[in-house]
Amino acid sequence: MKTETYEYLSDWARDNIAKGKAEGKAEGKAEGQAEAILTVLSARGIEVSEDVSEKIRKCHDFDRLAAWLRAAATVDSSDALLDDIS
């Protein structure tokens, strides 16, 4: 008969593990949105400076990222992307 070990986790520990997973998912989603914005701009032949790229990658506001992604399809420059939506 195989026995399994069970590591007891307090409610606090379980809550913190769940919180960490949720934060990790949110961070991954924001990173994906940022990369999508940069990909759209690149596909359209729009150059993106390191400053603009860094600002986009550091943003974790999902509403702003979604607005930037929609705007990336029509803006003339990466600076205009941030100016119009910021």
PDB file of N, CA and C in Angstrom:
ATOM      1  N   MET A   1       0.836  -1.171   0.000  1.00  0.00           N
ATOM      2  CA  MET A   1       0.000   0.000   0.000  1.00  0.00           C
ATOM      3  C   MET A   1       0.890   1.246   0.000  1.00  0.00           C
ATOM      4  N   LYS A   2       0.583   2.170  -0.856  1.00  0.00           N
ATOM      5  CA  LYS A   2       1.359   3.401  -0.974  1.00  0.00           C
ATOM      6  C   LYS A   2       0.749   4.461  -0.065  1.00  0.00           C
ATOM      7  N   THR A   3       1.604   5.077   0.693  1.00  0.00           N
ATOM      8  CA  THR A   3       1.118   6.174   1.534  1.00  0.00           C
ATOM      9  C   THR A   3       1.563   7.485   0.940  1.00  0.00           C
ATOM     10  N   GLU A   4       0.742   8.465   1.091  1.00  0.00           N
ATOM     11  CA  GLU A   4       1.073   9.795   0.580  1.00  0.00           C
ATOM     12  C   GLU A   4       1.262  10.723   1.755  1.00  0.00           C
ATOM     13  N   THR A   5       2.201  11.616   1.587  1.00  0.00           N
ATOM     14  CA  THR A   5       2.424  12.597   2.645  1.00  0.00           C
ATOM     15  C   THR A   5       1.593  13.822   2.345  1.00  0.00           C
ATOM     16  N   TYR A   6       1.116  14.406   3.364  1.00  0.00           N
ATOM     17  CA  TYR A   6       0.282  15.593   3.225  1.00  0.00           C
ATOM     18  C   TYR A   6       0.913  16.702   4.054  1.00  0.00           C
ATOM     19  N   GLU A   7       1.221  17.768   3.391  1.00  0.00           N
ATOM     20  CA  GLU A   7       1.790  18.912   4.098  1.00  0.00           C
ATOM     21  C   GLU A   7       0.659  19.858   4.452  1.00  0.00           C
ATOM     22  N   TYR A   8       0.458  20.050   5.734  1.00  0.00           N
ATOM     23  CA  TYR A   8      -0.605  20.931   6.179  1.00  0.00           C
ATOM     24  C   TYR A   8      -0.251  22.370   5.848  1.00  0.00           C
ATOM     25  N   LEU A   9      -1.195  23.101   5.269  1.00  0.00           N
ATOM     26  CA  LEU A   9      -1.038  24.524   5.017  1.00  0.00           C
ATOM     27  C   LEU A   9      -2.139  25.264   5.758  1.00  0.00           C
ATOM     28  N   SER A  10      -1.735  26.279   6.473  1.00  0.00           N
ATOM     29  CA  SER A  10      -2.718  27.092   7.188  1.00  0.00           C
ATOM     30  C   SER A  10      -3.558  27.870   6.180  1.00  0.00           C
ATOM     31  N   ASP A  11      -4.658  28.408   6.652  1.00  0.00           N
ATOM     32  CA  ASP A  11      -5.499  29.241   5.781  1.00  0.00           C
ATOM     33  C   ASP A  11      -4.689  30.411   5.239  1.00  0.00           C
ATOM     34  N   TRP A  12      -3.867  30.997   6.090  1.00  0.00           N
ATOM     35  CA  TRP A  12      -3.025  32.132   5.683  1.00  0.00           C
ATOM     36  C   TRP A  12      -2.096  31.721   4.539  1.00  0.00           C
ATOM     37  N   ALA A  13      -1.440  30.572   4.672  1.00  0.00           N
ATOM     38  CA  ALA A  13      -0.516  30.103   3.643  1.00  0.00           C
ATOM     39  C   ALA A  13      -1.252  29.819   2.336  1.00  0.00           C
ATOM     40  N   ARG A  14      -2.405  29.146   2.419  1.00  0.00           N
ATOM     41  CA  ARG A  14      -3.183  28.868   1.204  1.00  0.00           C
ATOM     42  C   ARG A  14      -3.620  30.157   0.531  1.00  0.00           C
ATOM     43  N   ASP A  15      -4.055  31.140   1.339  1.00  0.00           N
ATOM     44  CA  ASP A  15      -4.483  32.427   0.778  1.00  0.00           C
ATOM     45  C   ASP A  15      -3.326  33.129   0.076  1.00  0.00           C
ATOM     46  N   ASN A  16      -2.139  33.086   0.672  1.00  0.00           N
ATOM     47  CA  ASN A  16      -0.983  33.750   0.068  1.00  0.00           C
ATOM     48  C   ASN A  16      -0.515  33.052  -1.194  1.00  0.00           C
ATOM     49  N   ILE A  17      -0.620  31.746  -1.223  1.00  0.00           N
ATOM     50  CA  ILE A  17      -0.274  31.004  -2.438  1.00  0.00           C
ATOM     51  C   ILE A  17      -1.250  31.373  -3.553  1.00  0.00           C
ATOM     52  N   ALA A  18      -2.534  31.413  -3.239  1.00  0.00           N
ATOM     53  CA  ALA A  18      -3.543  31.777  -4.234  1.00  0.00           C
ATOM     54  C   ALA A  18      -3.337  33.207  -4.716  1.00  0.00           C
ATOM     55  N   LYS A  19      -3.021  34.098  -3.792  1.00  0.00           N
ATOM     56  CA  LYS A  19      -2.781  35.506  -4.152  1.00  0.00           C
ATOM     57  C   LYS A  19      -1.571  35.607  -5.080  1.00  0.00           C
ATOM     58  N   GLY A  20      -0.518  34.864  -4.775  1.00  0.00           N
ATOM     59  CA  GLY A  20       0.679  34.881  -5.610  1.00  0.00           C
ATOM     60  C   GLY A  20       0.401  34.371  -7.013  1.00  0.00           C
ATOM     61  N   LYS A  21      -0.411  33.333  -7.114  1.00  0.00           N
ATOM     62  CA  LYS A  21      -0.773  32.800  -8.431  1.00  0.00           C
ATOM     63  C   LYS A  21      -1.576  33.828  -9.224  1.00  0.00           C
ATOM     64  N   ALA A  22      -2.507  34.494  -8.568  1.00  0.00           N
ATOM     65  CA  ALA A  22      -3.327  35.507  -9.244  1.00  0.00           C
ATOM     66  C   ALA A  22      -2.464  36.663  -9.714  1.00  0.00           C
ATOM     67  N   GLU A  23      -1.538  37.089  -8.871  1.00  0.00           N
ATOM     68  CA  GLU A  23      -0.651  38.184  -9.258  1.00  0.00           C
ATOM     69  C   GLU A  23       0.234  37.769 -10.430  1.00  0.00           C
ATOM     70  N   GLY A  24       0.693  36.529 -10.421  1.00  0.00           N
ATOM     71  CA  GLY A  24       1.511  36.027 -11.520  1.00  0.00           C
ATOM     72  C   GLY A  24       0.746  35.987 -12.827  1.00  0.00           C
ATOM     73  N   LYS A  25      -0.520  35.575 -12.760  1.00  0.00           N
ATOM     74  CA  LYS A  25      -1.355  35.551 -13.963  1.00  0.00           C
ATOM     75  C   LYS A  25      -1.566  36.956 -14.504  1.00  0.00           C
ATOM     76  N   ALA A  26      -1.834  37.907 -13.615  1.00  0.00           N
ATOM     77  CA  ALA A  26      -2.062  39.292 -14.036  1.00  0.00           C
ATOM     78  C   ALA A  26      -0.801  39.873 -14.670  1.00  0.00           C
ATOM     79  N   GLU A  27       0.341  39.580 -14.068  1.00  0.00           N
ATOM     80  CA  GLU A  27       1.600  40.078 -14.613  1.00  0.00           C
ATOM     81  C   GLU A  27       1.856  39.484 -15.995  1.00  0.00           C
ATOM     82  N   GLY A  28       1.586  38.205 -16.153  1.00  0.00           N
ATOM     83  CA  GLY A  28       1.759  37.558 -17.452  1.00  0.00           C
ATOM     84  C   GLY A  28       0.821  38.124 -18.505  1.00  0.00           C
ATOM     85  N   LYS A  29      -0.402  38.409 -18.111  1.00  0.00           N
ATOM     86  CA  LYS A  29      -1.366  38.984 -19.044  1.00  0.00           C
ATOM     87  C   LYS A  29      -0.907  40.376 -19.495  1.00  0.00           C
ATOM     88  N   ALA A  30      -0.411  41.181 -18.558  1.00  0.00           N
ATOM     89  CA  ALA A  30       0.072  42.524 -18.897  1.00  0.00           C
ATOM     90  C   ALA A  30       1.272  42.435 -19.834  1.00  0.00           C
ATOM     91  N   GLU A  31       2.182  41.500 -19.554  1.00  0.00           N
ATOM     92  CA  GLU A  31       3.344  41.326 -20.427  1.00  0.00           C
ATOM     93  C   GLU A  31       2.911  40.915 -21.834  1.00  0.00           C
ATOM     94  N   GLY A  32       1.922  40.053 -21.922  1.00  0.00           N
ATOM     95  CA  GLY A  32       1.417  39.627 -23.224  1.00  0.00           C
ATOM     96  C   GLY A  32       0.794  40.774 -24.005  1.00  0.00           C
ATOM     97  N   GLN A  33       0.024  41.614 -23.314  1.00  0.00           N
ATOM     98  CA  GLN A  33      -0.583  42.783 -23.958  1.00  0.00           C
ATOM     99  C   GLN A  33       0.504  43.724 -24.470  1.00  0.00           C
ATOM    100  N   ALA A  34       1.533  43.968 -23.641  1.00  0.00           N
ATOM    101  CA  ALA A  34       2.624  44.862 -24.037  1.00  0.00           C
ATOM    102  C   ALA A  34       3.332  44.325 -25.276  1.00  0.00           C
ATOM    103  N   GLU A  35       3.606  43.032 -25.285  1.00  0.00           N
ATOM    104  CA  GLU A  35       4.264  42.440 -26.445  1.00  0.00           C
ATOM    105  C   GLU A  35       3.380  42.517 -27.683  1.00  0.00           C
ATOM    106  N   ALA A  36       2.080  42.371 -27.523  1.00  0.00           N
ATOM    107  CA  ALA A  36       1.156  42.486 -28.656  1.00  0.00           C
ATOM    108  C   ALA A  36       1.202  43.901 -29.241  1.00  0.00           C
ATOM    109  N   ILE A  37       1.235  44.895 -28.378  1.00  0.00           N
ATOM    110  CA  ILE A  37       1.318  46.293 -28.844  1.00  0.00           C
ATOM    111  C   ILE A  37       2.587  46.488 -29.654  1.00  0.00           C
ATOM    112  N   LEU A  38       3.702  46.038 -29.109  1.00  0.00           N
ATOM    113  CA  LEU A  38       4.985  46.205 -29.799  1.00  0.00           C
ATOM    114  C   LEU A  38       5.017  45.417 -31.103  1.00  0.00           C
ATOM    115  N   THR A  39       4.379  44.272 -31.142  1.00  0.00           N
ATOM    116  CA  THR A  39       4.320  43.464 -32.357  1.00  0.00           C
ATOM    117  C   THR A  39       3.498  44.158 -33.439  1.00  0.00           C
ATOM    118  N   VAL A  40       2.370  44.734 -33.070  1.00  0.00           N
ATOM    119  CA  VAL A  40       1.536  45.454 -34.040  1.00  0.00           C
ATOM    120  C   VAL A  40       2.315  46.640 -34.618  1.00  0.00           C
ATOM    121  N   LEU A  41       2.964  47.396 -33.736  1.00  0.00           N
ATOM    122  CA  LEU A  41       3.740  48.548 -34.216  1.00  0.00           C
ATOM    123  C   LEU A  41       4.859  48.102 -35.149  1.00  0.00           C
ATOM    124  N   SER A  42       5.546  47.024 -34.788  1.00  0.00           N
ATOM    125  CA  SER A  42       6.623  46.503 -35.622  1.00  0.00           C
ATOM    126  C   SER A  42       6.097  46.032 -36.974  1.00  0.00           C
ATOM    127  N   ALA A  43       4.984  45.332 -36.968  1.00  0.00           N
ATOM    128  CA  ALA A  43       4.403  44.825 -38.215  1.00  0.00           C
ATOM    129  C   ALA A  43       4.001  45.964 -39.142  1.00  0.00           C
ATOM    130  N   ARG A  44       3.655  47.086 -38.549  1.00  0.00           N
ATOM    131  CA  ARG A  44       3.274  48.255 -39.349  1.00  0.00           C
ATOM    132  C   ARG A  44       4.478  49.089 -39.759  1.00  0.00           C
ATOM    133  N   GLY A  45       5.681  48.672 -39.345  1.00  0.00           N
ATOM    134  CA  GLY A  45       6.904  49.388 -39.712  1.00  0.00           C
ATOM    135  C   GLY A  45       7.144  50.635 -38.880  1.00  0.00           C
ATOM    136  N   ILE A  46       6.527  50.717 -37.727  1.00  0.00           N
ATOM    137  CA  ILE A  46       6.685  51.882 -36.852  1.00  0.00           C
ATOM    138  C   ILE A  46       7.812  51.604 -35.869  1.00  0.00           C
ATOM    139  N   GLU A  47       8.809  52.475 -35.886  1.00  0.00           N
ATOM    140  CA  GLU A  47       9.935  52.330 -34.968  1.00  0.00           C
ATOM    141  C   GLU A  47       9.505  52.707 -33.560  1.00  0.00           C
ATOM    142  N   VAL A  48      10.035  51.975 -32.600  1.00  0.00           N
ATOM    143  CA  VAL A  48       9.717  52.216 -31.193  1.00  0.00           C
ATOM    144  C   VAL A  48      11.021  52.440 -30.447  1.00  0.00           C
ATOM    145  N   SER A  49      11.139  53.599 -29.811  1.00  0.00           N
ATOM    146  CA  SER A  49      12.350  53.900 -29.053  1.00  0.00           C
ATOM    147  C   SER A  49      12.403  53.044 -27.796  1.00  0.00           C
ATOM    148  N   GLU A  50      13.575  52.932 -27.218  1.00  0.00           N
ATOM    149  CA  GLU A  50      13.728  52.165 -25.974  1.00  0.00           C
ATOM    150  C   GLU A  50      12.858  52.754 -24.865  1.00  0.00           C
ATOM    151  N   ASP A  51      12.754  54.098 -24.806  1.00  0.00           N
ATOM    152  CA  ASP A  51      11.943  54.745 -23.771  1.00  0.00           C
ATOM    153  C   ASP A  51      10.472  54.359 -23.893  1.00  0.00           C
ATOM    154  N   VAL A  52       9.963  54.398 -25.105  1.00  0.00           N
ATOM    155  CA  VAL A  52       8.553  54.055 -25.331  1.00  0.00           C
ATOM    156  C   VAL A  52       8.337  52.563 -25.068  1.00  0.00           C
ATOM    157  N   SER A  53       9.245  51.733 -25.556  1.00  0.00           N
ATOM    158  CA  SER A  53       9.138  50.296 -25.333  1.00  0.00           C
ATOM    159  C   SER A  53       9.135  49.977 -23.836  1.00  0.00           C
ATOM    160  N   GLU A  54      10.000  50.632 -23.095  1.00  0.00           N
ATOM    161  CA  GLU A  54      10.075  50.405 -21.650  1.00  0.00           C
ATOM    162  C   GLU A  54       8.786  50.848 -20.953  1.00  0.00           C
ATOM    163  N   LYS A  55       8.253  51.994 -21.378  1.00  0.00           N
ATOM    164  CA  LYS A  55       7.009  52.482 -20.773  1.00  0.00           C
ATOM    165  C   LYS A  55       5.856  51.506 -21.023  1.00  0.00           C
ATOM    166  N   ILE A  56       5.784  50.999 -22.235  1.00  0.00           N
ATOM    167  CA  ILE A  56       4.733  50.041 -22.578  1.00  0.00           C
ATOM    168  C   ILE A  56       4.903  48.761 -21.750  1.00  0.00           C
ATOM    169  N   ARG A  57       6.122  48.261 -21.672  1.00  0.00           N
ATOM    170  CA  ARG A  57       6.378  47.014 -20.937  1.00  0.00           C
ATOM    171  C   ARG A  57       6.164  47.137 -19.427  1.00  0.00           C
ATOM    172  N   LYS A  58       6.365  48.329 -18.884  1.00  0.00           N
ATOM    173  CA  LYS A  58       6.202  48.519 -17.434  1.00  0.00           C
ATOM    174  C   LYS A  58       4.760  48.775 -17.019  1.00  0.00           C
ATOM    175  N   CYS A  59       3.899  49.050 -17.986  1.00  0.00           N
ATOM    176  CA  CYS A  59       2.501  49.340 -17.672  1.00  0.00           C
ATOM    177  C   CYS A  59       1.769  48.057 -17.278  1.00  0.00           C
ATOM    178  N   HIS A  60       0.994  48.136 -16.205  1.00  0.00           N
ATOM    179  CA  HIS A  60       0.179  47.003 -15.766  1.00  0.00           C
ATOM    180  C   HIS A  60      -1.293  47.380 -15.646  1.00  0.00           C
ATOM    181  N   ASP A  61      -1.656  48.500 -16.243  1.00  0.00           N
ATOM    182  CA  ASP A  61      -3.041  48.966 -16.254  1.00  0.00           C
ATOM    183  C   ASP A  61      -3.712  48.354 -17.488  1.00  0.00           C
ATOM    184  N   PHE A  62      -4.578  47.364 -17.252  1.00  0.00           N
ATOM    185  CA  PHE A  62      -5.178  46.631 -18.367  1.00  0.00           C
ATOM    186  C   PHE A  62      -6.008  47.522 -19.289  1.00  0.00           C
ATOM    187  N   ASP A  63      -6.693  48.509 -18.749  1.00  0.00           N
ATOM    188  CA  ASP A  63      -7.486  49.405 -19.595  1.00  0.00           C
ATOM    189  C   ASP A  63      -6.583  50.217 -20.514  1.00  0.00           C
ATOM    190  N   ARG A  64      -5.496  50.726 -19.960  1.00  0.00           N
ATOM    191  CA  ARG A  64      -4.553  51.511 -20.776  1.00  0.00           C
ATOM    192  C   ARG A  64      -3.899  50.626 -21.831  1.00  0.00           C
ATOM    193  N   LEU A  65      -3.483  49.429 -21.446  1.00  0.00           N
ATOM    194  CA  LEU A  65      -2.865  48.518 -22.410  1.00  0.00           C
ATOM    195  C   LEU A  65      -3.836  48.177 -23.541  1.00  0.00           C
ATOM    196  N   ALA A  66      -5.089  47.949 -23.204  1.00  0.00           N
ATOM    197  CA  ALA A  66      -6.090  47.639 -24.236  1.00  0.00           C
ATOM    198  C   ALA A  66      -6.281  48.830 -25.174  1.00  0.00           C
ATOM    199  N   ALA A  67      -6.294  50.031 -24.615  1.00  0.00           N
ATOM    200  CA  ALA A  67      -6.439  51.234 -25.444  1.00  0.00           C
ATOM    201  C   ALA A  67      -5.222  51.408 -26.344  1.00  0.00           C
ATOM    202  N   TRP A  68      -4.035  51.164 -25.805  1.00  0.00           N
ATOM    203  CA  TRP A  68      -2.822  51.261 -26.622  1.00  0.00           C
ATOM    204  C   TRP A  68      -2.831  50.217 -27.736  1.00  0.00           C
ATOM    205  N   LEU A  69      -3.308  49.023 -27.441  1.00  0.00           N
ATOM    206  CA  LEU A  69      -3.343  47.979 -28.460  1.00  0.00           C
ATOM    207  C   LEU A  69      -4.285  48.359 -29.601  1.00  0.00           C
ATOM    208  N   ARG A  70      -5.453  48.891 -29.256  1.00  0.00           N
ATOM    209  CA  ARG A  70      -6.381  49.341 -30.307  1.00  0.00           C
ATOM    210  C   ARG A  70      -5.762  50.480 -31.121  1.00  0.00           C
ATOM    211  N   ALA A  71      -5.123  51.414 -30.447  1.00  0.00           N
ATOM    212  CA  ALA A  71      -4.529  52.568 -31.127  1.00  0.00           C
ATOM    213  C   ALA A  71      -3.326  52.167 -31.977  1.00  0.00           C
ATOM    214  N   ALA A  72      -2.623  51.120 -31.574  1.00  0.00           N
ATOM    215  CA  ALA A  72      -1.429  50.688 -32.313  1.00  0.00           C
ATOM    216  C   ALA A  72      -1.763  50.344 -33.762  1.00  0.00           C
ATOM    217  N   ALA A  73      -2.994  50.006 -34.029  1.00  0.00           N
ATOM    218  CA  ALA A  73      -3.404  49.648 -35.390  1.00  0.00           C
ATOM    219  C   ALA A  73      -3.519  50.858 -36.305  1.00  0.00           C
ATOM    220  N   THR A  74      -3.603  52.063 -35.738  1.00  0.00           N
ATOM    221  CA  THR A  74      -3.857  53.227 -36.590  1.00  0.00           C
ATOM    222  C   THR A  74      -2.908  54.402 -36.401  1.00  0.00           C
ATOM    223  N   VAL A  75      -2.123  54.439 -35.322  1.00  0.00           N
ATOM    224  CA  VAL A  75      -1.255  55.603 -35.071  1.00  0.00           C
ATOM    225  C   VAL A  75      -0.146  55.693 -36.102  1.00  0.00           C
ATOM    226  N   ASP A  76       0.402  56.912 -36.222  1.00  0.00           N
ATOM    227  CA  ASP A  76       1.499  57.143 -37.168  1.00  0.00           C
ATOM    228  C   ASP A  76       2.869  56.962 -36.538  1.00  0.00           C
ATOM    229  N   SER A  77       2.946  57.025 -35.199  1.00  0.00           N
ATOM    230  CA  SER A  77       4.226  56.855 -34.509  1.00  0.00           C
ATOM    231  C   SER A  77       3.987  56.314 -33.109  1.00  0.00           C
ATOM    232  N   SER A  78       5.036  55.745 -32.539  1.00  0.00           N
ATOM    233  CA  SER A  78       4.894  55.215 -31.179  1.00  0.00           C
ATOM    234  C   SER A  78       4.712  56.351 -30.175  1.00  0.00           C
ATOM    235  N   ASP A  79       5.306  57.498 -30.442  1.00  0.00           N
ATOM    236  CA  ASP A  79       5.101  58.654 -29.556  1.00  0.00           C
ATOM    237  C   ASP A  79       3.642  59.090 -29.582  1.00  0.00           C
ATOM    238  N   ALA A  80       3.037  59.073 -30.771  1.00  0.00           N
ATOM    239  CA  ALA A  80       1.625  59.440 -30.885  1.00  0.00           C
ATOM    240  C   ALA A  80       0.750  58.451 -30.113  1.00  0.00           C
ATOM    241  N   LEU A  81       1.148  57.196 -30.079  1.00  0.00           N
ATOM    242  CA  LEU A  81       0.414  56.183 -29.320  1.00  0.00           C
ATOM    243  C   LEU A  81       0.305  56.596 -27.862  1.00  0.00           C
ATOM    244  N   LEU A  82       1.426  56.952 -27.275  1.00  0.00           N
ATOM    245  CA  LEU A  82       1.425  57.329 -25.858  1.00  0.00           C
ATOM    246  C   LEU A  82       0.786  58.688 -25.638  1.00  0.00           C
ATOM    247  N   ASP A  83       0.977  59.625 -26.557  1.00  0.00           N
ATOM    248  CA  ASP A  83       0.401  60.962 -26.415  1.00  0.00           C
ATOM    249  C   ASP A  83      -1.117  60.934 -26.471  1.00  0.00           C
ATOM    250  N   ASP A  84      -1.654  60.140 -27.407  1.00  0.00           N
ATOM    251  CA  ASP A  84      -3.103  60.108 -27.601  1.00  0.00           C
ATOM    252  C   ASP A  84      -3.825  59.451 -26.443  1.00  0.00           C
ATOM    253  N   ILE A  85      -3.225  58.448 -25.837  1.00  0.00           N
ATOM    254  CA  ILE A  85      -3.917  57.645 -24.853  1.00  0.00           C
ATOM    255  C   ILE A  85      -3.536  57.994 -23.421  1.00  0.00           C
ATOM    256  N   SER A  86      -2.317  58.439 -23.191  1.00  0.00           N
ATOM    257  CA  SER A  86      -1.853  58.714 -21.837  1.00  0.00           C
ATOM    258  C   SER A  86      -2.670  59.756 -21.212  1.00  0.00           C
TER     259      SER A  86
END
